[in-house]
PDB file of N, CA and C in Angstrom:
ATOM      1  N   MET A   1      -8.148   6.172   7.261  1.00  0.00           N
ATOM      2  CA  MET A   1      -7.362   5.819   8.976  1.00  0.00           C
ATOM      3  C   MET A   1      -6.016   6.418   8.722  1.00  0.00           C
ATOM      4  N   LEU A   2      -5.359   7.133   9.506  1.00  0.00           N
ATOM      5  CA  LEU A   2      -3.958   7.044   9.451  1.00  0.00           C
ATOM      6  C   LEU A   2      -3.218   6.439  10.513  1.00  0.00           C
ATOM      7  N   VAL A   3      -2.593   5.512  10.057  1.00  0.00           N
ATOM      8  CA  VAL A   3      -1.659   4.650  11.050  1.00  0.00           C
ATOM      9  C   VAL A   3       0.183   4.974  11.093  1.00  0.00           C
ATOM     10  N   LYS A   4       0.619   5.396  12.329  1.00  0.00           N
ATOM     11  CA  LYS A   4       2.668   5.512  12.419  1.00  0.00           C
ATOM     12  C   LYS A   4       2.890   4.056  12.359  1.00  0.00           C
ATOM     13  N   ILE A   5       3.963   3.955  11.651  1.00  0.00           N
ATOM     14  CA  ILE A   5       4.781   2.880  11.370  1.00  0.00           C
ATOM     15  C   ILE A   5       6.320   3.365  11.742  1.00  0.00           C
ATOM     16  N   LYS A   6       6.565   2.483  12.337  1.00  0.00           N
ATOM     17  CA  LYS A   6       8.359   2.549  12.030  1.00  0.00           C
ATOM     18  C   LYS A   6       8.926   1.296  11.311  1.00  0.00           C
ATOM     19  N   VAL A   7       9.816   1.590  10.214  1.00  0.00           N
ATOM     20  CA  VAL A   7      10.464   0.927   9.031  1.00  0.00           C
ATOM     21  C   VAL A   7      11.852  -0.005   9.479  1.00  0.00           C
ATOM     22  N   THR A   8      12.266  -1.130   9.079  1.00  0.00           N
ATOM     23  CA  THR A   8      13.437  -1.385   9.386  1.00  0.00           C
ATOM     24  C   THR A   8      13.669  -1.969   7.816  1.00  0.00           C
ATOM     25  N   ALA A   9      14.811  -1.308   7.235  1.00  0.00           N
ATOM     26  CA  ALA A   9      14.726  -1.741   5.870  1.00  0.00           C
ATOM     27  C   ALA A   9      16.214  -2.808   5.987  1.00  0.00           C
ATOM     28  N   HIS A  10      16.457  -3.528   5.121  1.00  0.00           N
ATOM     29  CA  HIS A  10      17.210  -4.304   5.281  1.00  0.00           C
ATOM     30  C   HIS A  10      17.468  -5.780   5.988  1.00  0.00           C
ATOM     31  N   ALA A  11      16.271  -6.021   6.546  1.00  0.00           N
ATOM     32  CA  ALA A  11      15.973  -6.909   7.714  1.00  0.00           C
ATOM     33  C   ALA A  11      16.408  -8.205   6.828  1.00  0.00           C
ATOM     34  N   LYS A  12      16.190  -9.308   7.821  1.00  0.00           N
ATOM     35  CA  LYS A  12      16.437 -10.753   7.760  1.00  0.00           C
ATOM     36  C   LYS A  12      15.360 -11.310   6.923  1.00  0.00           C
ATOM     37  N   HIS A  13      14.521 -10.712   7.301  1.00  0.00           N
ATOM     38  CA  HIS A  13      13.049 -11.254   6.502  1.00  0.00           C
ATOM     39  C   HIS A  13      12.123  -9.872   7.135  1.00  0.00           C
ATOM     40  N   ASN A  14      10.761 -10.282   6.146  1.00  0.00           N
ATOM     41  CA  ASN A  14       9.602  -9.412   6.365  1.00  0.00           C
ATOM     42  C   ASN A  14       8.828 -10.087   7.686  1.00  0.00           C
ATOM     43  N   SER A  15       8.604  -8.515   8.414  1.00  0.00           N
ATOM     44  CA  SER A  15       7.583  -9.029   9.356  1.00  0.00           C
ATOM     45  C   SER A  15       6.894  -7.821   9.789  1.00  0.00           C
ATOM     46  N   LEU A  16       5.600  -7.694  10.629  1.00  0.00           N
ATOM     47  CA  LEU A  16       5.066  -6.525  11.174  1.00  0.00           C
ATOM     48  C   LEU A  16       4.627  -6.903  12.837  1.00  0.00           C
ATOM     49  N   GLU A  17       4.711  -6.075  12.896  1.00  0.00           N
ATOM     50  CA  GLU A  17       4.178  -5.873  14.585  1.00  0.00           C
ATOM     51  C   GLU A  17       3.673  -4.780  15.107  1.00  0.00           C
ATOM     52  N   LYS A  18       2.770  -5.270  15.833  1.00  0.00           N
ATOM     53  CA  LYS A  18       1.873  -4.199  16.266  1.00  0.00           C
ATOM     54  C   LYS A  18       2.008  -3.477  17.988  1.00  0.00           C
ATOM     55  N   THR A  19       2.480  -2.455  18.057  1.00  0.00           N
ATOM     56  CA  THR A  19       3.348  -1.798  19.360  1.00  0.00           C
ATOM     57  C   THR A  19       2.027  -0.679  19.840  1.00  0.00           C
ATOM     58  N   THR A  20       2.258  -0.634  21.051  1.00  0.00           N
ATOM     59  CA  THR A  20       1.087   0.637  21.838  1.00  0.00           C
ATOM     60  C   THR A  20       1.223   2.043  20.703  1.00  0.00           C
ATOM     61  N   LYS A  21       2.485   2.179  20.322  1.00  0.00           N
ATOM     62  CA  LYS A  21       2.689   3.537  19.539  1.00  0.00           C
ATOM     63  C   LYS A  21       2.526   3.637  18.259  1.00  0.00           C
ATOM     64  N   GLY A  22       2.161   2.287  17.575  1.00  0.00           N
ATOM     65  CA  GLY A  22       2.007   2.268  16.276  1.00  0.00           C
ATOM     66  C   GLY A  22       2.036   0.745  15.756  1.00  0.00           C
ATOM     67  N   ILE A  23       2.905   0.738  14.639  1.00  0.00           N
ATOM     68  CA  ILE A  23       3.423  -0.950  13.994  1.00  0.00           C
ATOM     69  C   ILE A  23       4.529  -0.712  13.452  1.00  0.00           C
ATOM     70  N   ASN A  24       5.386  -1.574  13.824  1.00  0.00           N
ATOM     71  CA  ASN A  24       6.820  -1.896  13.387  1.00  0.00           C
ATOM     72  C   ASN A  24       6.955  -2.750  12.375  1.00  0.00           C
ATOM     73  N   ILE A  25       7.523  -2.442  11.159  1.00  0.00           N
ATOM     74  CA  ILE A  25       7.633  -3.211  10.206  1.00  0.00           C
ATOM     75  C   ILE A  25       8.922  -3.185   9.666  1.00  0.00           C
ATOM     76  N   SER A  26       9.824  -4.707   9.547  1.00  0.00           N
ATOM     77  CA  SER A  26      10.602  -5.165   9.338  1.00  0.00           C
ATOM     78  C   SER A  26      10.798  -5.559   7.603  1.00  0.00           C
ATOM     79  N   VAL A  27      11.502  -4.603   6.847  1.00  0.00           N
ATOM     80  CA  VAL A  27      11.463  -5.404   4.856  1.00  0.00           C
ATOM     81  C   VAL A  27      12.618  -5.931   4.677  1.00  0.00           C
ATOM     82  N   LYS A  28      12.820  -6.522   4.022  1.00  0.00           N
ATOM     83  CA  LYS A  28      14.246  -7.288   3.391  1.00  0.00           C
ATOM     84  C   LYS A  28      14.761  -6.007   2.274  1.00  0.00           C
ATOM     85  N   ALA A  29      13.821  -5.631   2.243  1.00  0.00           N
ATOM     86  CA  ALA A  29      14.313  -4.621   0.519  1.00  0.00           C
ATOM     87  C   ALA A  29      15.265  -3.451   1.222  1.00  0.00           C
ATOM     88  N   LYS A  30      16.387  -3.039   0.435  1.00  0.00           N
ATOM     89  CA  LYS A  30      17.301  -1.840   1.170  1.00  0.00           C
ATOM     90  C   LYS A  30      16.207  -0.374   0.685  1.00  0.00           C
ATOM     91  N   ALA A  31      16.585   0.102   1.629  1.00  0.00           N
ATOM     92  CA  ALA A  31      16.183   1.753   1.393  1.00  0.00           C
ATOM     93  C   ALA A  31      16.794   2.586   0.476  1.00  0.00           C
ATOM     94  N   GLU A  32      16.751   2.157  -0.695  1.00  0.00           N
ATOM     95  CA  GLU A  32      17.340   2.810  -1.940  1.00  0.00           C
ATOM     96  C   GLU A  32      16.252   2.448  -3.142  1.00  0.00           C
ATOM     97  N   ASN A  33      15.954   3.555  -3.707  1.00  0.00           N
ATOM     98  CA  ASN A  33      15.138   3.644  -4.965  1.00  0.00           C
ATOM     99  C   ASN A  33      13.729   3.082  -4.603  1.00  0.00           C
ATOM    100  N   ASN A  34      13.411   3.590  -3.309  1.00  0.00           N
ATOM    101  CA  ASN A  34      12.127   3.501  -2.937  1.00  0.00           C
ATOM    102  C   ASN A  34      11.474   1.977  -2.883  1.00  0.00           C
ATOM    103  N   MET A  35      12.461   1.150  -2.880  1.00  0.00           N
ATOM    104  CA  MET A  35      12.455  -0.378  -2.747  1.00  0.00           C
ATOM    105  C   MET A  35      11.589  -0.860  -1.078  1.00  0.00           C
ATOM    106  N   ALA A  36      12.044  -0.124  -0.348  1.00  0.00           N
ATOM    107  CA  ALA A  36      11.583  -0.290   0.707  1.00  0.00           C
ATOM    108  C   ALA A  36      10.406  -0.040   1.061  1.00  0.00           C
ATOM    109  N   ASN A  37       9.756   1.512   0.630  1.00  0.00           N
ATOM    110  CA  ASN A  37       8.648   1.999   0.671  1.00  0.00           C
ATOM    111  C   ASN A  37       7.510   1.079   0.063  1.00  0.00           C
ATOM    112  N   ASP A  38       8.097   0.357  -1.400  1.00  0.00           N
ATOM    113  CA  ASP A  38       7.416  -0.262  -1.985  1.00  0.00           C
ATOM    114  C   ASP A  38       6.868  -1.946  -1.234  1.00  0.00           C
ATOM    115  N   SER A  39       7.786  -2.312  -0.356  1.00  0.00           N
ATOM    116  CA  SER A  39       7.652  -3.242   0.055  1.00  0.00           C
ATOM    117  C   SER A  39       6.838  -3.103   1.063  1.00  0.00           C
ATOM    118  N   VAL A  40       7.046  -1.967   1.789  1.00  0.00           N
ATOM    119  CA  VAL A  40       6.276  -1.367   3.199  1.00  0.00           C
ATOM    120  C   VAL A  40       4.493  -1.545   2.878  1.00  0.00           C
ATOM    121  N   ARG A  41       4.461  -1.126   1.511  1.00  0.00           N
ATOM    122  CA  ARG A  41       3.160  -0.811   1.378  1.00  0.00           C
ATOM    123  C   ARG A  41       2.185  -2.292   0.578  1.00  0.00           C
ATOM    124  N   GLU A  42       3.060  -3.086   0.285  1.00  0.00           N
ATOM    125  CA  GLU A  42       2.681  -4.564  -0.126  1.00  0.00           C
ATOM    126  C   GLU A  42       2.471  -4.897   1.214  1.00  0.00           C
ATOM    127  N   ILE A  43       3.015  -5.084   2.480  1.00  0.00           N
ATOM    128  CA  ILE A  43       2.618  -5.589   4.085  1.00  0.00           C
ATOM    129  C   ILE A  43       1.778  -5.105   4.279  1.00  0.00           C
ATOM    130  N   LEU A  44       1.539  -3.800   4.646  1.00  0.00           N
ATOM    131  CA  LEU A  44      -0.178  -3.108   4.569  1.00  0.00           C
ATOM    132  C   LEU A  44      -1.205  -3.393   4.145  1.00  0.00           C
ATOM    133  N   ALA A  45      -1.153  -3.463   2.699  1.00  0.00           N
ATOM    134  CA  ALA A  45      -1.923  -3.881   1.736  1.00  0.00           C
ATOM    135  C   ALA A  45      -2.622  -5.388   2.387  1.00  0.00           C
ATOM    136  N   ILE A  46      -1.792  -6.376   2.589  1.00  0.00           N
ATOM    137  CA  ILE A  46      -2.061  -7.578   2.953  1.00  0.00           C
ATOM    138  C   ILE A  46      -2.511  -7.641   4.375  1.00  0.00           C
ATOM    139  N   HIS A  47      -2.090  -6.767   5.224  1.00  0.00           N
ATOM    140  CA  HIS A  47      -2.809  -6.436   6.769  1.00  0.00           C
ATOM    141  C   HIS A  47      -3.676  -6.523   6.744  1.00  0.00           C
ATOM    142  N   PHE A  48      -4.059  -5.035   6.247  1.00  0.00           N
ATOM    143  CA  PHE A  48      -5.401  -4.837   6.008  1.00  0.00           C
ATOM    144  C   PHE A  48      -6.360  -4.948   5.008  1.00  0.00           C
ATOM    145  N   ASP A  49      -6.138  -5.887   4.138  1.00  0.00           N
ATOM    146  CA  ASP A  49      -6.997  -6.862   3.268  1.00  0.00           C
ATOM    147  C   ASP A  49      -7.732  -5.517   2.497  1.00  0.00           C
ATOM    148  N   VAL A  50      -6.505  -4.550   1.719  1.00  0.00           N
ATOM    149  CA  VAL A  50      -7.005  -3.722   0.909  1.00  0.00           C
ATOM    150  C   VAL A  50      -6.048  -3.976  -0.188  1.00  0.00           C
ATOM    151  N   PRO A  51      -6.663  -2.983  -1.453  1.00  0.00           N
ATOM    152  CA  PRO A  51      -5.500  -3.434  -2.319  1.00  0.00           C
ATOM    153  C   PRO A  51      -4.221  -2.462  -2.246  1.00  0.00           C
ATOM    154  N   ILE A  52      -3.366  -2.378  -2.828  1.00  0.00           N
ATOM    155  CA  ILE A  52      -2.008  -1.697  -2.872  1.00  0.00           C
ATOM    156  C   ILE A  52      -2.042  -0.221  -3.157  1.00  0.00           C
ATOM    157  N   ASN A  53      -3.180   0.116  -3.815  1.00  0.00           N
ATOM    158  CA  ASN A  53      -3.537   1.509  -4.414  1.00  0.00           C
ATOM    159  C   ASN A  53      -4.222   2.168  -3.169  1.00  0.00           C
ATOM    160  N   LYS A  54      -4.618   1.843  -2.404  1.00  0.00           N
ATOM    161  CA  LYS A  54      -5.264   2.214  -1.138  1.00  0.00           C
ATOM    162  C   LYS A  54      -4.422   2.476  -0.016  1.00  0.00           C
ATOM    163  N   ILE A  55      -3.236   2.416  -0.285  1.00  0.00           N
ATOM    164  CA  ILE A  55      -1.924   2.210   0.835  1.00  0.00           C
ATOM    165  C   ILE A  55      -1.156   3.315   0.110  1.00  0.00           C
ATOM    166  N   LYS A  56      -1.165   4.783   0.672  1.00  0.00           N
ATOM    167  CA  LYS A  56      -0.745   6.205   0.855  1.00  0.00           C
ATOM    168  C   LYS A  56       0.248   6.183   1.768  1.00  0.00           C
ATOM    169  N   ILE A  57       1.760   6.856   1.668  1.00  0.00           N
ATOM    170  CA  ILE A  57       2.812   7.094   2.548  1.00  0.00           C
ATOM    171  C   ILE A  57       2.221   8.990   2.659  1.00  0.00           C
ATOM    172  N   VAL A  58       1.806   9.277   3.646  1.00  0.00           N
ATOM    173  CA  VAL A  58       1.341  10.794   4.146  1.00  0.00           C
ATOM    174  C   VAL A  58       2.497  11.573   4.315  1.00  0.00           C
ATOM    175  N   ARG A  59       3.427  10.959   5.490  1.00  0.00           N
ATOM    176  CA  ARG A  59       5.035  11.809   5.935  1.00  0.00           C
ATOM    177  C   ARG A  59       5.932  10.707   5.831  1.00  0.00           C
ATOM    178  N   GLY A  60       6.970  10.879   5.539  1.00  0.00           N
ATOM    179  CA  GLY A  60       7.986  10.393   5.799  1.00  0.00           C
ATOM    180  C   GLY A  60       8.584   8.965   4.788  1.00  0.00           C
ATOM    181  N   HIS A  61       8.342   9.694   3.368  1.00  0.00           N
ATOM    182  CA  HIS A  61       9.054   9.056   2.772  1.00  0.00           C
ATOM    183  C   HIS A  61      10.435   8.487   2.423  1.00  0.00           C
ATOM    184  N   LYS A  62      11.452   9.472   3.416  1.00  0.00           N
ATOM    185  CA  LYS A  62      13.055   9.055   2.939  1.00  0.00           C
ATOM    186  C   LYS A  62      13.243   9.256   4.690  1.00  0.00           C
ATOM    187  N   THR A  63      12.815   8.782   5.674  1.00  0.00           N
ATOM    188  CA  THR A  63      12.776   8.431   6.998  1.00  0.00           C
ATOM    189  C   THR A  63      12.055   7.045   7.044  1.00  0.00           C
ATOM    190  N   SER A  64      12.407   6.447   8.502  1.00  0.00           N
ATOM    191  CA  SER A  64      12.124   5.343   9.056  1.00  0.00           C
ATOM    192  C   SER A  64      10.834   5.239   9.641  1.00  0.00           C
ATOM    193  N   SER A  65      10.541   6.570  10.150  1.00  0.00           N
ATOM    194  CA  SER A  65       9.094   6.670  10.839  1.00  0.00           C
ATOM    195  C   SER A  65       8.142   7.542   9.663  1.00  0.00           C
ATOM    196  N   LYS A  66       7.104   6.784   9.468  1.00  0.00           N
ATOM    197  CA  LYS A  66       6.202   7.079   8.596  1.00  0.00           C
ATOM    198  C   LYS A  66       4.795   7.356   8.968  1.00  0.00           C
ATOM    199  N   THR A  67       3.820   8.098   8.306  1.00  0.00           N
ATOM    200  CA  THR A  67       2.424   7.920   8.867  1.00  0.00           C
ATOM    201  C   THR A  67       1.676   7.423   7.252  1.00  0.00           C
ATOM    202  N   ILE A  68       1.129   6.580   7.593  1.00  0.00           N
ATOM    203  CA  ILE A  68       0.319   5.903   6.300  1.00  0.00           C
ATOM    204  C   ILE A  68      -1.298   6.116   6.527  1.00  0.00           C
ATOM    205  N   GLU A  69      -1.443   6.478   5.709  1.00  0.00           N
ATOM    206  CA  GLU A  69      -2.822   6.464   5.032  1.00  0.00           C
ATOM    207  C   GLU A  69      -3.575   5.255   4.473  1.00  0.00           C
ATOM    208  N   VAL A  70      -4.506   4.886   5.093  1.00  0.00           N
ATOM    209  CA  VAL A  70      -5.203   3.857   4.429  1.00  0.00           C
ATOM    210  C   VAL A  70      -6.823   4.138   4.045  1.00  0.00           C
ATOM    211  N   MET A  71      -6.894   3.418   2.964  1.00  0.00           N
ATOM    212  CA  MET A  71      -8.100   4.557   2.543  1.00  0.00           C
ATOM    213  C   MET A  71      -9.239   3.767   1.823  1.00  0.00           C
ATOM    214  N   ASP A  72     -10.430   3.717   2.299  1.00  0.00           N
ATOM    215  CA  ASP A  72     -11.463   2.467   2.249  1.00  0.00           C
ATOM    216  C   ASP A  72     -12.077   2.784   0.629  1.00  0.00           C
TER     217      ASP A  72
END
């Protein structure tokens, strides 16, 4: 399943909000050294109740708009 997300790094707290266009995620981690992407994967793994290794960033490794694949 492919999911479009918008990420806000260096936020006050971690959060996930569903919208009509996809999912908005705010993470405390800075957008440096892949820390924000790792936090996004952790949050999505909890949300979809899958192991973190089943969450893959398909597009947008270095941007705030990302396409994520959730594998079964």
